[in-house]
């Protein structure tokens, strides 16, 4: 009889959350999207130190985790907008608190 491999469930919600939002650019992307929808070019200008590859990877990971919504408009040239999902909008208070803490302590 073969034993099925069960995926270990992490008992610490904070660890799951950090895996979703921590990355070199993920938190910064979420921070900028907290002020409203942004197109890719806008995000690239707001985060000039990131490479296109890293920005795209971060956006895809955030989208996969349900934190960022990607809307493609059927126009030429293609137009894509990114925004926070309902799930991630609740993170804005936390990110604001981190920003305030950083202004005082970093």
Protein backbone atom coordinates (compact mmCIF):
# COMPACT_ATOMS: atom_id res chain seq x y z
CA UNK A 1 0.00 0.00 0.00
CA UNK A 2 1.44 3.37 -1.04
CA UNK A 3 1.32 6.26 1.32
CA UNK A 4 0.13 9.50 -0.15
CA UNK A 5 2.39 12.45 0.30
CA UNK A 6 0.58 15.25 2.04
CA UNK A 7 1.80 18.75 1.65
CA UNK A 8 2.85 20.13 5.01
CA UNK A 9 0.59 22.94 6.16
CA UNK A 10 2.40 25.84 7.71
CA UNK A 11 0.82 26.57 11.09
CA UNK A 12 2.04 30.17 11.11
CA UNK A 13 -0.16 32.53 9.08
CA UNK A 14 2.49 35.27 9.27
CA UNK A 15 4.92 33.05 7.39
CA UNK A 16 2.39 32.44 4.61
CA UNK A 17 1.71 36.17 4.35
CA UNK A 18 5.39 37.04 4.22
CA UNK A 19 5.95 34.52 1.41
CA UNK A 20 3.26 36.35 -0.54
CA UNK A 21 4.42 39.94 -0.02
CA UNK A 22 8.14 39.78 0.65
CA UNK A 23 10.40 39.95 -2.33
CA UNK A 24 12.76 42.57 -3.57
CA UNK A 25 9.95 44.49 -5.32
CA UNK A 26 6.62 42.97 -4.27
CA UNK A 27 5.97 45.27 -1.32
CA UNK A 28 6.97 48.34 -3.36
CA UNK A 29 4.57 47.31 -6.13
CA UNK A 30 1.76 46.86 -3.61
CA UNK A 31 2.62 50.25 -2.10
CA UNK A 32 2.33 52.02 -5.46
CA UNK A 33 -0.85 50.19 -6.42
CA UNK A 34 -2.34 51.34 -3.12
CA UNK A 35 -2.80 54.77 -4.70
CA UNK A 36 -4.73 53.35 -7.65
CA UNK A 37 -4.50 51.43 -10.90
CA UNK A 38 -1.21 51.60 -12.74
CA UNK A 39 -0.06 50.57 -16.19
CA UNK A 40 3.16 48.62 -16.57
CA UNK A 41 5.05 51.69 -17.84
CA UNK A 42 3.92 53.72 -14.83
CA UNK A 43 5.17 51.04 -12.44
CA UNK A 44 8.48 50.88 -14.32
CA UNK A 45 8.90 54.67 -13.93
CA UNK A 46 7.91 54.55 -10.24
CA UNK A 47 10.37 51.72 -9.54
CA UNK A 48 13.35 52.60 -11.77
CA UNK A 49 15.86 50.36 -9.98
CA UNK A 50 14.09 47.15 -11.00
CA UNK A 51 14.74 45.28 -14.22
CA UNK A 52 11.88 44.45 -16.56
CA UNK A 53 12.37 40.76 -15.78
CA UNK A 54 12.09 41.28 -12.02
CA UNK A 55 9.10 43.60 -12.32
CA UNK A 56 7.25 41.12 -14.53
CA UNK A 57 8.13 38.18 -12.25
CA UNK A 58 6.97 40.09 -9.18
CA UNK A 59 3.71 41.15 -10.83
CA UNK A 60 3.03 37.57 -11.94
CA UNK A 61 3.72 36.21 -8.46
CA UNK A 62 1.43 38.81 -6.87
CA UNK A 63 -1.25 37.99 -9.43
CA UNK A 64 -0.87 34.24 -8.78
CA UNK A 65 -1.29 34.85 -5.03
CA UNK A 66 -4.44 36.87 -5.65
CA UNK A 67 -2.99 40.18 -4.50
CA UNK A 68 -2.86 41.97 -7.86
CA UNK A 69 -5.45 42.02 -10.63
CA UNK A 70 -4.30 42.32 -14.23
CA UNK A 71 -6.74 43.74 -16.76
CA UNK A 72 -5.94 43.56 -20.47
CA UNK A 73 -7.82 45.91 -22.78
CA UNK A 74 -8.44 44.67 -26.33
CA UNK A 75 -6.81 47.61 -28.09
CA UNK A 76 -3.73 48.11 -30.24
CA UNK A 77 -1.19 48.73 -28.90
CA UNK A 78 -2.05 46.43 -25.96
CA UNK A 79 -3.01 48.19 -22.75
CA UNK A 80 -2.66 46.43 -19.41
CA UNK A 81 -3.59 47.82 -16.01
CA UNK A 82 -2.66 46.44 -12.62
CA UNK A 83 -4.62 47.07 -9.44
CA UNK A 84 -5.00 45.74 -5.95
CA UNK A 85 -7.57 43.03 -5.38
CA UNK A 86 -10.13 43.21 -2.61
CA UNK A 87 -7.93 40.78 -0.68
CA UNK A 88 -4.83 42.99 -0.92
CA UNK A 89 -6.58 46.31 -0.27
CA UNK A 90 -6.66 45.38 3.39
CA UNK A 91 -2.84 45.40 3.34
CA UNK A 92 -2.68 49.14 2.66
CA UNK A 93 -3.03 50.07 6.34
CA UNK A 94 -0.19 47.71 7.20
CA UNK A 95 2.01 49.12 4.44
CA UNK A 96 1.25 52.68 5.60
CA UNK A 97 2.23 51.69 9.13
CA UNK A 98 5.48 50.19 7.83
CA UNK A 99 6.15 53.41 5.91
CA UNK A 100 5.57 55.52 9.03
CA UNK A 101 7.77 53.23 11.11
CA UNK A 102 10.49 53.48 8.47
CA UNK A 103 10.32 57.28 8.45
CA UNK A 104 10.83 57.33 12.22
CA UNK A 105 13.32 54.52 12.65
CA UNK A 106 15.18 53.74 9.45
